């Protein structure tokens, strides 16, 4: 847009300059020709016979007329190169005109009729002299002027093309900062205000308006997170009481088998509801900001073995197998990282829970641990076969309340919680669809040199 505006402005300015300079050159050429015509006319004598000088410039032609009021004009002289009866001849004092390949001007003065005593007689008529010369020199000057202006226009266009990115970058720098901050807000744990440029224009007004909107959104999000955390916290106590009562009642040996089975079903539902409430409580705490991380050295191989023992009954109940793969040659020091074990456990449990619920029916789930590689720390992977390809849905897996299959069980919070915990722990959580499998990877950065 800058280049287009600059080019149009340069074209308009060049056209105006060309018209102005063309008129100036034409007036200059006419003035020089009129000066010679005036000198020739001053040397014309009508006493006793018309005597006049001939043009002394190559290619010039002349015509001389005498005119009295009430009588037709008499042609006293006409050069052979001057067209007879040429229409559109200018009048004395008027700008020059084009006469074919020539430029012609007219000058005049009062005079008596030609004859003896004309020099002393009263001037009752008027002499008009037209002088023409080739228009080629003026045309060459105009062509040279056009070439110069076109070269200047092309140079201006090239300069505009070179300057357009720099000017656009400077002009749009406030918007770029706002866009970058907006992108950070999408993945940030809080909503930071956009930078407000002190420009006093519409960009500053836009930034201030967006900050007011973000402030209201931040207030609403905080109120929602606080309500969710408070509600989940209040629900934990009655749920724990109900589950304890069901556990105690279910141990009564005198209960009929049908009642015992019903109580077991209620206990499972209460356990599921308890896990859901725990998720809501964690969502509320994450919505209010990053969870404080109690970091300490954690042996990843031991943590994965404990997770496998903990989750194996659930996988068996779901008809799936859970395999764990550990590196053979990595040392304990290489597999030990500084992290919050509780938050890491919650993140991995959510990844395993997602693989168990949403993988292809009966497909195994692999839990893998890899040692440090060049420029990277240890990695944990969870792989499961997909029931249907994710395709474009892969990028939305860590969005809150998102479910690729709306009919699948769950709330769509597990992977979002895992993503927020990964940000707080400083690890990279990535998802990749490799053929029919979904591979979730938790990667630690390379340890800094001591």
Protein backbone atom coordinates (compact mmCIF):
# COMPACT_ATOMS: atom_id res chain seq x y z
CA UNK A 1 0.00 0.00 0.00
CA UNK A 2 2.85 2.38 0.82
CA UNK A 3 4.51 1.60 -2.50
CA UNK A 4 1.23 2.10 -4.38
CA UNK A 5 0.51 5.44 -2.69
CA UNK A 6 4.11 6.56 -3.13
CA UNK A 7 4.05 5.53 -6.79
CA UNK A 8 0.75 7.30 -7.50
CA UNK A 9 2.00 10.42 -5.73
CA UNK A 10 5.26 10.34 -7.72
CA UNK A 11 3.29 9.79 -10.95
CA UNK A 12 0.99 12.72 -10.21
CA UNK A 13 3.94 14.94 -9.26
CA UNK A 14 5.85 13.86 -12.38
CA UNK A 15 2.85 14.56 -14.61
CA UNK A 16 2.40 18.00 -13.08
CA UNK A 17 6.10 18.76 -13.46
CA UNK A 18 6.05 17.59 -17.08
CA UNK A 19 3.08 19.80 -17.97
CA UNK A 20 4.65 22.78 -16.20
CA UNK A 21 8.05 22.30 -17.80
CA UNK A 22 6.50 21.61 -21.21
CA UNK A 23 4.59 24.90 -21.03
CA UNK A 24 7.73 26.67 -19.86
CA UNK A 25 9.80 25.24 -22.72
CA UNK A 26 7.06 26.11 -25.22
CA UNK A 27 6.83 29.69 -23.88
CA UNK A 28 10.63 30.02 -23.99
CA UNK A 29 10.70 28.76 -27.57
CA UNK A 30 7.85 31.11 -28.52
CA UNK A 31 9.60 34.04 -26.83
CA UNK A 32 12.80 33.45 -28.77
CA UNK A 33 10.88 33.10 -32.04
CA UNK A 34 8.77 36.18 -31.27
CA UNK A 35 11.91 38.23 -30.57
CA UNK A 36 13.27 37.39 -34.04
CA UNK A 37 9.87 38.04 -35.61
CA UNK A 38 9.73 41.47 -33.92
CA UNK A 39 13.17 42.36 -35.25
CA UNK A 40 12.14 41.32 -38.76
CA UNK A 41 8.92 43.31 -38.51
CA UNK A 42 10.79 46.40 -37.33
CA UNK A 43 12.96 46.26 -40.47
CA UNK A 44 9.98 46.10 -42.82
CA UNK A 45 9.57 49.25 -44.98
CA UNK A 46 6.47 50.08 -47.07
CA UNK A 47 7.76 53.31 -48.73
CA UNK A 48 7.72 53.39 -51.70
CA UNK A 49 7.35 49.59 -52.13
CA UNK A 50 7.24 46.86 -49.49
CA UNK A 51 10.82 46.00 -48.52
CA UNK A 52 11.46 43.39 -45.89
CA UNK A 53 14.35 41.28 -44.65
CA UNK A 54 14.31 37.54 -45.08
CA UNK A 55 14.66 35.08 -42.15
CA UNK A 56 18.30 34.33 -41.39
CA UNK A 57 17.75 31.07 -39.46
CA UNK A 58 17.81 27.66 -41.16
CA UNK A 59 14.33 26.24 -41.67
CA UNK A 60 12.45 29.46 -40.81
CA UNK A 61 9.51 30.64 -42.94
CA UNK A 62 7.66 33.96 -42.89
CA UNK A 63 4.40 35.51 -43.99
CA UNK A 64 3.49 39.22 -43.99
CA UNK A 65 -0.06 40.62 -44.28
CA UNK A 66 -1.45 44.16 -44.34
CA UNK A 67 -5.00 44.76 -43.17
CA UNK A 68 -7.16 47.91 -43.11
CA UNK A 69 -10.53 48.24 -41.40
CA UNK A 70 -13.36 47.25 -43.69
CA UNK A 71 -11.08 45.70 -46.29
CA UNK A 72 -9.79 42.15 -46.68
CA UNK A 73 -6.21 41.48 -45.65
CA UNK A 74 -3.54 41.64 -48.36
CA UNK A 75 -0.68 39.17 -48.33
CA UNK A 76 2.54 41.11 -48.96
CA UNK A 77 4.96 38.20 -48.67
CA UNK A 78 4.99 34.49 -48.01
CA UNK A 79 8.00 32.14 -47.90
CA UNK A 80 7.84 29.12 -50.11
CA UNK A 81 7.94 26.85 -47.04
CA UNK A 82 5.01 28.68 -45.40
CA UNK A 83 1.73 26.89 -46.25
CA UNK A 84 -0.79 28.97 -48.18
CA UNK A 85 -4.06 29.63 -46.41
CA UNK A 86 -2.82 27.83 -43.28
CA UNK A 87 -5.74 27.62 -40.83
CA UNK A 88 -5.40 28.23 -37.11
CA UNK A 89 -2.72 30.91 -37.36
CA UNK A 90 -2.27 32.68 -34.01
CA UNK A 91 -3.04 36.35 -33.59
CA UNK A 92 -0.41 38.81 -32.35
CA UNK A 93 0.04 38.54 -28.60
CA UNK A 94 -1.42 35.01 -28.50
CA UNK A 95 0.72 31.96 -27.60
CA UNK A 96 2.48 30.15 -30.40
CA UNK A 97 0.73 27.36 -32.28
CA UNK A 98 1.76 24.20 -34.09
CA UNK A 99 1.64 24.43 -37.87
CA UNK A 100 2.38 20.91 -39.05
CA UNK A 101 6.03 20.19 -38.26
CA UNK A 102 6.63 23.87 -37.43
CA UNK A 103 6.01 26.23 -34.56
CA UNK A 104 4.58 29.62 -35.54
CA UNK A 105 4.14 32.97 -33.69
CA UNK A 106 2.60 36.26 -34.78
CA UNK A 107 3.65 39.89 -34.18
CA UNK A 108 2.01 43.08 -35.43
CA UNK A 109 2.28 46.87 -35.60
CA UNK A 110 0.32 49.78 -37.00
CA UNK A 111 1.26 50.96 -40.49
CA UNK A 112 0.04 53.07 -43.45
CA UNK A 113 -0.84 51.40 -46.77
CA UNK A 114 2.23 50.53 -48.85
CA UNK A 115 3.28 53.22 -51.32
CA UNK A 116 5.15 56.52 -51.66
CA UNK A 117 4.98 58.52 -48.45
CA UNK A 118 3.86 55.53 -46.35
CA UNK A 119 6.54 56.24 -43.78
CA UNK A 120 5.11 59.78 -43.11
CA UNK A 121 1.41 58.91 -43.55
CA UNK A 122 -0.96 58.26 -40.69
CA UNK A 123 -1.07 54.52 -39.79
CA UNK A 124 -4.55 53.46 -40.77
CA UNK A 125 -3.86 49.72 -41.07
CA UNK A 126 -1.91 46.97 -39.41
CA UNK A 127 0.99 44.79 -40.44
CA UNK A 128 1.00 41.18 -39.17
CA UNK A 129 4.07 38.99 -39.50
CA UNK A 130 4.01 35.25 -38.87
CA UNK A 131 7.33 33.55 -38.32
CA UNK A 132 7.62 29.75 -38.19
CA UNK A 133 10.53 27.48 -37.46
CA UNK A 134 10.93 23.68 -37.11
CA UNK A 135 9.31 22.20 -33.96
CA UNK A 136 11.82 19.32 -33.86
CA UNK A 137 14.20 20.96 -31.32
CA UNK A 138 11.30 21.60 -28.94
CA UNK A 139 10.06 18.03 -29.47
CA UNK A 140 13.54 16.70 -28.69
CA UNK A 141 13.67 18.77 -25.51
CA UNK A 142 10.24 17.48 -24.48
CA UNK A 143 11.26 13.88 -25.23
CA UNK A 144 14.42 14.31 -23.15
CA UNK A 145 12.29 15.79 -20.35
CA UNK A 146 9.90 12.81 -20.53
CA UNK A 147 12.79 10.35 -20.35
CA UNK A 148 14.21 12.17 -17.35
CA UNK A 149 10.87 12.18 -15.56
CA UNK A 150 10.24 8.50 -16.35
CA UNK A 151 13.66 7.60 -15.02
CA UNK A 152 12.90 9.61 -11.90
CA UNK A 153 9.54 7.88 -11.56
CA UNK A 154 11.12 4.44 -11.95
CA UNK A 155 13.79 5.39 -9.42
CA UNK A 156 11.09 6.59 -7.03
CA UNK A 157 9.21 3.32 -7.50
CA UNK A 158 12.37 1.32 -6.81
CA UNK A 159 13.07 3.47 -3.76
CA UNK A 160 9.49 2.96 -2.59
CA UNK A 161 9.85 -0.80 -3.03
CA UNK A 162 13.02 -0.73 -0.92
CA UNK A 163 11.61 1.57 1.74
CA UNK A 164 8.13 0.05 1.92
CA UNK A 165 9.12 -2.88 4.21
CA UNK A 166 11.08 -0.57 6.52
CA UNK A 167 8.35 2.06 6.65
CA UNK A 168 5.66 -0.59 7.12
CA UNK A 169 7.70 -2.23 9.88
CA UNK A 170 8.06 1.10 11.69
CA UNK A 171 4.42 2.06 11.18
CA UNK A 172 3.10 -1.36 12.21
CA UNK A 173 5.55 -1.95 15.07
CA UNK A 174 2.92 -1.11 17.75
CA UNK A 175 0.45 -3.51 16.13
CA UNK A 176 3.13 -6.22 15.91
CA UNK A 177 3.85 -5.84 19.63
CA UNK A 178 0.14 -6.05 20.35
CA UNK A 179 -0.19 -9.16 18.16
CA UNK A 180 2.83 -10.80 19.82
CA UNK A 181 1.39 -10.08 23.26
CA UNK A 182 -1.98 -11.48 22.14
CA UNK A 183 -0.24 -14.68 20.98
CA UNK A 184 1.52 -14.94 24.35
CA UNK A 185 -1.82 -14.50 26.10
CA UNK A 186 -3.14 -17.59 24.33
CA UNK A 187 -0.56 -19.75 26.10
CA UNK A 188 0.21 -17.64 29.14
CA UNK A 189 -1.02 -18.43 32.60
CA UNK A 190 -2.38 -14.93 33.09
CA UNK A 191 -3.67 -12.13 30.89
CA UNK A 192 -1.04 -9.41 30.69
CA UNK A 193 -2.07 -6.01 29.26
CA UNK A 194 -1.08 -5.13 25.73
CA UNK A 195 1.68 -2.55 25.24
CA UNK A 196 0.19 0.91 24.67
CA UNK A 197 2.19 3.05 22.20
CA UNK A 198 2.38 6.74 23.06
CA UNK A 199 1.43 7.84 19.54
CA UNK A 200 -1.81 9.67 20.19
CA UNK A 201 -3.50 8.02 17.21
CA UNK A 202 -5.99 5.25 16.53
CA UNK A 203 -3.42 2.56 17.39
CA UNK A 204 -3.09 3.91 20.93
CA UNK A 205 -6.87 4.11 21.25
CA UNK A 206 -7.17 0.52 20.01
CA UNK A 207 -4.58 -0.71 22.53
CA UNK A 208 -6.32 1.07 25.42
CA UNK A 209 -9.72 -0.31 24.37
CA UNK A 210 -8.34 -3.85 24.09
CA UNK A 211 -6.70 -3.53 27.51
CA UNK A 212 -10.03 -2.53 29.01
CA UNK A 213 -11.60 -5.59 27.37
CA UNK A 214 -8.79 -7.83 28.61
CA UNK A 215 -9.22 -6.40 32.10
CA UNK A 216 -12.89 -7.34 32.12
CA UNK A 217 -12.07 -10.80 30.77
CA UNK A 218 -9.39 -11.23 33.42
CA UNK A 219 -11.86 -10.27 36.14
CA UNK A 220 -14.47 -12.68 34.81
CA UNK A 221 -11.92 -15.47 34.46
CA UNK A 222 -10.66 -14.91 38.01
CA UNK A 223 -14.20 -14.90 39.40
CA UNK A 224 -15.01 -18.10 37.48
CA UNK A 225 -11.82 -19.81 38.63
CA UNK A 226 -12.44 -18.79 42.24
CA UNK A 227 -16.01 -20.05 42.10
CA UNK A 228 -14.92 -23.34 40.53
CA UNK A 229 -12.19 -23.84 43.14
CA UNK A 230 -14.53 -22.96 46.00
CA UNK A 231 -17.30 -25.24 44.74
CA UNK A 232 -14.89 -28.13 44.19
CA UNK A 233 -13.37 -27.62 47.63
CA UNK A 234 -16.80 -27.64 49.26
CA UNK A 235 -17.79 -30.82 47.41
CA UNK A 236 -14.75 -32.81 48.49
CA UNK A 237 -15.84 -33.20 52.13
CA UNK A 238 -19.36 -34.60 51.50
CA UNK A 239 -18.05 -36.85 48.75
CA UNK A 240 -15.35 -38.21 51.03
CA UNK A 241 -17.96 -38.81 53.75
CA UNK A 242 -20.26 -40.64 51.34
CA UNK A 243 -17.43 -42.79 49.98
CA UNK A 244 -16.26 -43.68 53.48
CA UNK A 245 -19.82 -44.67 54.43
CA UNK A 246 -20.15 -46.85 51.35
CA UNK A 247 -16.80 -48.53 52.04
CA UNK A 248 -17.82 -49.30 55.63
CA UNK A 249 -21.26 -50.53 54.58
CA UNK A 250 -19.80 -52.68 51.82
CA UNK A 251 -17.64 -54.60 54.32
CA UNK A 252 -20.71 -55.88 56.20
CA UNK A 253 -20.65 -59.69 55.70
CA UNK A 254 -24.42 -59.91 56.16
CA UNK A 255 -25.23 -57.86 53.06
CA UNK A 256 -26.89 -59.70 50.18
CA UNK A 257 -24.79 -60.08 47.06
CA UNK A 258 -27.09 -57.82 45.04
CA UNK A 259 -26.81 -55.04 47.62
CA UNK A 260 -23.05 -55.48 47.80
CA UNK A 261 -22.82 -55.18 43.99
CA UNK A 262 -25.01 -52.07 44.03
CA UNK A 263 -22.86 -50.48 46.75
CA UNK A 264 -19.72 -51.32 44.73
CA UNK A 265 -21.24 -49.56 41.72
CA UNK A 266 -22.12 -46.53 43.83
CA UNK A 267 -18.60 -46.52 45.26
CA UNK A 268 -17.09 -46.54 41.75
CA UNK A 269 -19.33 -43.67 40.69
CA UNK A 270 -18.39 -41.70 43.79
CA UNK A 271 -14.71 -42.33 43.06
CA UNK A 272 -15.21 -41.06 39.51
CA UNK A 273 -17.06 -38.02 40.84
CA UNK A 274 -14.24 -37.44 43.33
CA UNK A 275 -11.66 -37.46 40.54
CA UNK A 276 -13.82 -35.02 38.57
CA UNK A 277 -14.02 -32.70 41.58
CA UNK A 278 -10.26 -32.94 41.98
CA UNK A 279 -9.88 -31.90 38.35
CA UNK A 280 -12.19 -28.95 38.89
CA UNK A 281 -10.23 -27.91 41.95
CA UNK A 282 -7.00 -28.13 39.98
CA UNK A 283 -8.57 -26.13 37.13
CA UNK A 284 -9.56 -23.41 39.58
CA UNK A 285 -6.09 -23.23 41.06
CA UNK A 286 -4.48 -23.16 37.60
CA UNK A 287 -6.90 -20.47 36.46
CA UNK A 288 -5.79 -18.26 39.33
CA UNK A 289 -2.11 -18.60 38.32
CA UNK A 290 0.73 -21.07 38.18
CA UNK A 291 0.89 -23.62 40.97
CA UNK A 292 3.95 -23.26 43.18
CA UNK A 293 6.36 -26.06 42.35
CA UNK A 294 8.15 -27.86 45.17
CA UNK A 295 11.13 -29.01 43.14
CA UNK A 296 13.42 -31.78 44.27
CA UNK A 297 15.44 -34.50 42.54
CA UNK A 298 13.13 -37.15 41.07
CA UNK A 299 14.28 -40.43 39.52
CA UNK A 300 12.09 -40.76 36.43
CA UNK A 301 12.48 -44.53 36.12
CA UNK A 302 11.27 -45.09 39.67
CA UNK A 303 8.38 -42.65 39.13
CA UNK A 304 7.24 -44.48 35.98
CA UNK A 305 7.39 -47.88 37.69
CA UNK A 306 5.23 -46.56 40.51
CA UNK A 307 2.77 -45.08 37.99
CA UNK A 308 2.59 -48.38 36.09
CA UNK A 309 1.79 -50.29 39.30
CA UNK A 310 -0.84 -47.72 40.19
CA UNK A 311 -2.57 -47.64 36.80
CA UNK A 312 -2.28 -51.31 35.84
CA UNK A 313 -5.61 -52.35 37.49
CA UNK A 314 -7.49 -49.66 35.57
CA UNK A 315 -5.96 -50.74 32.28
CA UNK A 316 -6.87 -54.36 33.00
CA UNK A 317 -10.43 -53.35 33.82
CA UNK A 318 -10.59 -51.48 30.49
CA UNK A 319 -9.29 -54.52 28.59
CA UNK A 320 -5.97 -52.92 27.68
CA UNK A 321 -2.32 -53.69 28.31
CA UNK A 322 0.14 -51.17 29.66
CA UNK A 323 3.78 -51.68 28.75
CA UNK A 324 6.67 -49.72 30.16
CA UNK A 325 10.01 -49.26 28.38
CA UNK A 326 13.08 -48.05 30.28
CA UNK A 327 16.54 -47.25 28.88
CA UNK A 328 19.12 -49.94 29.45
CA UNK A 329 22.35 -47.96 29.51
CA UNK A 330 21.31 -44.66 31.10
CA UNK A 331 22.64 -43.97 34.58
CA UNK A 332 20.54 -42.95 37.54
CA UNK A 333 22.03 -39.45 37.42
CA UNK A 334 21.01 -39.07 33.76
CA UNK A 335 17.43 -40.06 34.57
CA UNK A 336 17.12 -37.76 37.59
CA UNK A 337 15.59 -34.31 37.10
CA UNK A 338 14.65 -31.48 39.41
CA UNK A 339 10.87 -31.18 39.35
CA UNK A 340 7.71 -31.28 41.43
CA UNK A 341 6.86 -35.00 41.72
CA UNK A 342 3.19 -34.41 42.54
CA UNK A 343 2.57 -32.13 39.57
CA UNK A 344 4.55 -34.41 37.24
CA UNK A 345 2.56 -37.40 38.49
CA UNK A 346 -0.73 -35.57 37.85
CA UNK A 347 0.41 -34.66 34.34
CA UNK A 348 1.44 -38.23 33.47
CA UNK A 349 -1.72 -39.68 35.00
CA UNK A 350 -3.80 -37.40 32.75
CA UNK A 351 -1.83 -38.53 29.70
CA UNK A 352 -2.33 -42.20 30.62
CA UNK A 353 -6.00 -41.60 31.41
CA UNK A 354 -6.48 -39.98 27.99
CA UNK A 355 -4.74 -42.91 26.27
CA UNK A 356 -6.87 -45.42 28.15
CA UNK A 357 -10.19 -43.67 27.43
CA UNK A 358 -9.74 -42.45 23.88
CA UNK A 359 -7.46 -44.99 22.23
CA UNK A 360 -8.60 -47.68 19.83
CA UNK A 361 -10.59 -50.40 21.66
CA UNK A 362 -8.33 -53.09 23.08
CA UNK A 363 -5.15 -51.41 21.77
CA UNK A 364 -2.12 -51.43 24.10
CA UNK A 365 -0.61 -48.29 25.59
CA UNK A 366 3.16 -47.81 25.80
CA UNK A 367 4.88 -45.75 28.49
CA UNK A 368 8.45 -45.02 27.42
CA UNK A 369 11.42 -43.34 29.06
CA UNK A 370 14.45 -42.23 27.01
CA UNK A 371 17.73 -40.95 28.36
CA UNK A 372 19.37 -37.63 27.46
CA UNK A 373 20.37 -37.07 23.85
CA UNK A 374 22.56 -34.46 22.18
CA UNK A 375 21.26 -31.03 23.21
CA UNK A 376 18.24 -32.43 25.08
CA UNK A 377 17.36 -33.93 28.42
CA UNK A 378 15.40 -37.11 29.17
CA UNK A 379 11.99 -37.64 27.62
CA UNK A 380 8.84 -39.52 28.62
CA UNK A 381 6.48 -40.75 25.91
CA UNK A 382 2.96 -42.14 25.98
CA UNK A 383 1.84 -43.85 22.76
CA UNK A 384 -1.54 -45.35 21.93
CA UNK A 385 -3.37 -46.40 18.79
CA UNK A 386 -6.09 -44.00 17.61
CA UNK A 387 -9.65 -45.03 16.98
CA UNK A 388 -9.93 -42.38 14.22
CA UNK A 389 -7.25 -40.06 12.81
CA UNK A 390 -7.10 -36.68 14.52
CA UNK A 391 -5.83 -34.63 11.57
CA UNK A 392 -6.51 -30.91 12.21
CA UNK A 393 -7.88 -31.71 15.70
CA UNK A 394 -4.34 -32.47 16.90
CA UNK A 395 -3.57 -28.78 17.49
CA UNK A 396 -6.59 -28.39 19.80
CA UNK A 397 -5.87 -31.26 22.18
CA UNK A 398 -4.62 -29.02 25.01
CA UNK A 399 -7.50 -26.54 24.73
CA UNK A 400 -9.79 -26.38 27.75
CA UNK A 401 -13.06 -28.34 27.44
CA UNK A 402 -12.09 -29.58 23.98
CA UNK A 403 -13.11 -33.09 22.94
CA UNK A 404 -12.39 -34.48 19.49
CA UNK A 405 -15.29 -36.89 20.05
CA UNK A 406 -18.10 -35.10 21.94
CA UNK A 407 -19.70 -38.47 22.79
CA UNK A 408 -16.55 -39.82 24.45
CA UNK A 409 -16.41 -39.90 28.27
CA UNK A 410 -14.61 -37.10 30.08
CA UNK A 411 -14.78 -33.33 30.34
CA UNK A 412 -11.97 -32.32 27.99
CA UNK A 413 -9.83 -30.99 30.85
CA UNK A 414 -7.19 -33.70 31.25
CA UNK A 415 -4.83 -32.64 28.47
CA UNK A 416 -5.44 -28.94 29.20
CA UNK A 417 -4.37 -29.54 32.81
CA UNK A 418 -1.36 -31.49 31.55
CA UNK A 419 -0.39 -28.59 29.27
CA UNK A 420 -0.68 -26.00 32.04
CA UNK A 421 1.32 -28.15 34.43
CA UNK A 422 4.00 -28.64 31.78
CA UNK A 423 4.32 -24.87 31.41
CA UNK A 424 4.68 -24.43 35.15
CA UNK A 425 7.32 -27.17 35.37
CA UNK A 426 9.30 -25.79 32.43
CA UNK A 427 9.02 -28.91 30.25
CA UNK A 428 7.77 -29.24 26.69
CA UNK A 429 4.60 -31.23 26.13
CA UNK A 430 4.06 -32.16 22.49
CA UNK A 431 1.63 -34.33 20.56
CA UNK A 432 2.36 -36.01 17.24
CA UNK A 433 0.26 -38.28 15.07
CA UNK A 434 2.55 -40.96 13.68
CA UNK A 435 0.60 -43.21 11.38
CA UNK A 436 -2.23 -44.76 13.41
CA UNK A 437 -0.70 -43.76 16.76
CA UNK A 438 -0.85 -40.65 18.95
CA UNK A 439 2.49 -40.00 20.66
CA UNK A 440 2.58 -37.61 23.62
CA UNK A 441 6.09 -36.51 24.64
CA UNK A 442 7.27 -34.79 27.81
CA UNK A 443 10.77 -33.45 27.17
CA UNK A 444 13.18 -31.78 29.59
CA UNK A 445 15.71 -29.25 28.32
CA UNK A 446 19.35 -30.13 28.26
CA UNK A 447 20.99 -29.63 31.65
CA UNK A 448 22.99 -26.44 31.89
CA UNK A 449 26.77 -26.95 32.15
CA UNK A 450 28.14 -26.67 35.63
